[in-house]
Amino acid sequence: MLLKYLNELDRAVQDARKQPGIEQFGRCADCLFVVQDYLRGQIEPVRVRGEEIVEKLLPEEFDQWMVQ
């Protein structure tokens, strides 16, 4: 499941980079929420590694996207 959620987040980020907009940014936020929610229920090594991967997937401008 983690791989599925990470792939969905990656696709959402790629789509938002190609066509920036509120809908795409919202999809990124939704995907991020799902991954974070999933990771909360995992054992520490899985949670830590998952969080590291998420951090690498999110672009620097992610926080700006969320403000919009």
Protein backbone atom coordinates (compact mmCIF):
# COMPACT_ATOMS: atom_id res chain seq x y z
CA MET A 1 0.00 0.00 0.00
CA LEU A 2 2.81 2.42 0.81
CA LEU A 3 4.22 2.12 -2.68
CA LYS A 4 0.79 2.82 -4.17
CA TYR A 5 0.36 5.95 -2.04
CA LEU A 6 3.86 7.19 -2.83
CA ASN A 7 3.27 6.66 -6.56
CA GLU A 8 0.01 8.60 -6.37
CA LEU A 9 1.77 11.45 -4.59
CA ASP A 10 4.56 11.44 -7.15
CA ARG A 11 2.06 11.59 -10.03
CA ALA A 12 0.13 14.39 -8.34
CA VAL A 13 3.32 16.43 -7.90
CA GLN A 14 4.32 15.85 -11.52
CA ASP A 15 0.87 16.92 -12.71
CA ALA A 16 1.01 20.04 -10.55
CA ARG A 17 4.37 20.98 -12.00
CA LYS A 18 3.11 20.52 -15.55
CA GLN A 19 -0.18 22.35 -15.02
CA PRO A 20 -0.12 24.42 -11.84
CA GLY A 21 -3.56 25.10 -10.46
CA ILE A 22 -5.76 24.80 -7.41
CA GLU A 23 -7.14 21.43 -8.49
CA GLN A 24 -3.69 19.90 -8.92
CA PHE A 25 -2.41 21.44 -5.69
CA GLY A 26 -5.44 20.07 -3.87
CA ARG A 27 -4.74 16.61 -5.25
CA CYS A 28 -1.17 16.84 -3.94
CA ALA A 29 -2.47 17.78 -0.50
CA ASP A 30 -4.97 14.91 -0.56
CA CYS A 31 -2.29 12.40 -1.57
CA LEU A 32 0.07 13.73 1.10
CA PHE A 33 -2.65 13.37 3.74
CA VAL A 34 -3.28 9.75 2.72
CA VAL A 35 0.43 8.87 2.88
CA GLN A 36 0.90 10.59 6.24
CA ASP A 37 -2.20 8.91 7.66
CA TYR A 38 -0.97 5.51 6.47
CA LEU A 39 2.50 6.08 7.90
CA ARG A 40 1.10 6.95 11.34
CA GLY A 41 -0.02 3.34 11.71
CA GLN A 42 3.29 1.78 10.67
CA ILE A 43 6.23 0.58 12.73
CA GLU A 44 8.99 3.13 13.21
CA PRO A 45 11.45 1.95 10.50
CA VAL A 46 8.70 1.96 7.86
CA ARG A 47 7.36 5.30 9.07
CA VAL A 48 10.79 6.96 9.08
CA ARG A 49 11.73 5.67 5.63
CA GLY A 50 8.34 6.62 4.24
CA GLU A 51 8.68 10.15 5.61
CA GLU A 52 12.14 10.43 4.04
CA ILE A 53 10.75 9.42 0.66
CA VAL A 54 7.83 11.83 0.96
CA GLU A 55 10.25 14.64 1.76
CA LYS A 56 12.18 13.90 -1.43
CA LEU A 57 9.02 13.76 -3.53
CA LEU A 58 7.67 17.12 -2.42
CA PRO A 59 9.05 20.10 -4.32
CA GLU A 60 10.44 23.16 -2.57
CA GLU A 61 7.43 25.17 -3.70
CA PHE A 62 4.96 22.77 -2.06
CA ASP A 63 4.29 25.13 0.86
CA GLN A 64 3.51 27.93 -1.60
CA TRP A 65 1.09 25.63 -3.41
CA MET A 66 -0.76 25.02 -0.14
CA VAL A 67 -1.17 28.74 0.50
CA GLN A 68 -3.03 29.13 -2.78
